[in-house]
Amino acid sequence: MRPSNLSAATPAARTGAPSSGLQAVITSPGRKLAVIDGAIVPLGSTVGRSTLQGVSDSLAVLDKNGARDVLLMHPNIEKKPSRKERP
């Protein structure tokens, strides 16, 4: 049962944030896994209607009927190359 002081809507539903997300990636020479929505998904396995096609340090690539979807570990962080100081 849910405590009576909580609303029926989840925080994600109230803010409009997507319900799916990449929480972790696990890579080793012998295997690659992604934790998506709390489920451990090995490379080549399905999650929902998609197949996990690739995993790297901070992203997972899903394939759904030929369409590619890239899940980022930190989707709101914009990465830029560092500037090198000149001597």
Protein backbone atom coordinates (compact mmCIF):
# COMPACT_ATOMS: atom_id res chain seq x y z
CA MET A 1 0.00 0.00 0.00
CA ARG A 2 1.02 3.55 -0.68
CA PRO A 3 1.16 6.04 2.20
CA SER A 4 -1.87 8.34 2.14
CA ASN A 5 0.24 11.52 1.84
CA LEU A 6 1.63 10.57 -1.61
CA SER A 7 -0.15 11.53 -4.80
CA ALA A 8 -0.98 8.94 -7.45
CA ALA A 9 1.34 10.55 -10.00
CA THR A 10 5.03 9.75 -9.82
CA PRO A 11 7.59 12.59 -9.93
CA ALA A 12 8.58 11.55 -13.47
CA ALA A 13 4.98 11.74 -14.61
CA ARG A 14 4.51 15.16 -13.03
CA THR A 15 7.65 16.63 -14.63
CA GLY A 16 7.22 14.97 -17.98
CA ALA A 17 10.59 13.19 -17.71
CA PRO A 18 10.97 9.99 -19.70
CA SER A 19 10.33 6.79 -17.77
CA SER A 20 13.15 4.86 -19.43
CA GLY A 21 16.72 5.49 -18.56
CA LEU A 22 20.20 4.12 -18.38
CA GLN A 23 21.42 3.76 -14.81
CA ALA A 24 24.71 1.88 -15.28
CA VAL A 25 26.95 0.11 -17.75
CA ILE A 26 29.15 -2.84 -16.89
CA THR A 27 31.91 -3.84 -19.28
CA SER A 28 34.64 -6.44 -19.07
CA PRO A 29 36.59 -8.43 -21.65
CA GLY A 30 34.05 -11.24 -21.37
CA ARG A 31 30.73 -9.41 -21.25
CA LYS A 32 28.86 -6.13 -21.58
CA LEU A 33 25.73 -5.25 -19.65
CA ALA A 34 23.50 -2.24 -19.18
CA VAL A 35 21.14 -1.48 -16.31
CA ILE A 36 18.05 0.04 -17.90
CA ASP A 37 15.06 0.92 -15.70
CA GLY A 38 16.50 -1.27 -12.95
CA ALA A 39 16.82 -4.36 -15.18
CA ILE A 40 20.18 -5.90 -16.03
CA VAL A 41 20.30 -6.34 -19.82
CA PRO A 42 23.14 -8.31 -21.48
CA LEU A 43 24.36 -7.25 -24.91
CA GLY A 44 22.06 -8.76 -27.58
CA SER A 45 19.11 -9.20 -25.19
CA THR A 46 15.79 -7.41 -25.36
CA VAL A 47 14.43 -4.68 -23.14
CA GLY A 48 10.82 -3.87 -23.88
CA ARG A 49 10.54 -4.10 -27.66
CA SER A 50 14.17 -3.10 -28.27
CA THR A 51 17.41 -5.06 -28.49
CA LEU A 52 20.59 -3.88 -26.76
CA GLN A 53 23.06 -3.50 -29.64
CA GLY A 54 25.98 -1.68 -28.03
CA VAL A 55 27.43 -0.50 -24.72
CA SER A 56 30.26 1.93 -24.00
CA ASP A 57 31.48 3.87 -20.96
CA SER A 58 28.44 6.12 -20.66
CA LEU A 59 25.85 5.03 -23.21
CA ALA A 60 23.77 2.13 -24.47
CA VAL A 61 22.48 1.68 -28.02
CA LEU A 62 19.06 0.09 -28.52
CA ASP A 63 17.64 -1.14 -31.82
CA LYS A 64 13.88 -1.27 -32.40
CA ASN A 65 12.84 -2.43 -35.88
CA GLY A 66 15.88 -0.81 -37.48
CA ALA A 67 15.56 2.46 -35.56
CA ARG A 68 18.51 3.29 -33.31
CA ASP A 69 17.99 4.82 -29.86
CA VAL A 70 20.98 5.99 -27.81
CA LEU A 71 20.53 6.13 -24.04
CA LEU A 72 23.01 8.38 -22.25
CA MET A 73 24.09 7.88 -18.66
CA HIS A 74 24.00 11.65 -18.05
CA PRO A 75 21.75 13.06 -20.77
CA ASN A 76 21.80 16.65 -19.49
CA ILE A 77 25.58 17.02 -19.47
CA GLU A 78 27.13 18.54 -22.57
CA LYS A 79 30.66 17.30 -23.16
CA LYS A 80 33.22 19.57 -24.79
CA PRO A 81 36.88 18.93 -25.52
CA SER A 82 39.25 20.58 -23.09
CA ARG A 83 41.32 23.53 -24.24
CA LYS A 84 45.04 23.05 -24.19
CA GLU A 85 47.04 25.88 -22.71
CA ARG A 86 49.83 27.17 -24.90
CA PRO A 87 53.23 27.73 -23.30
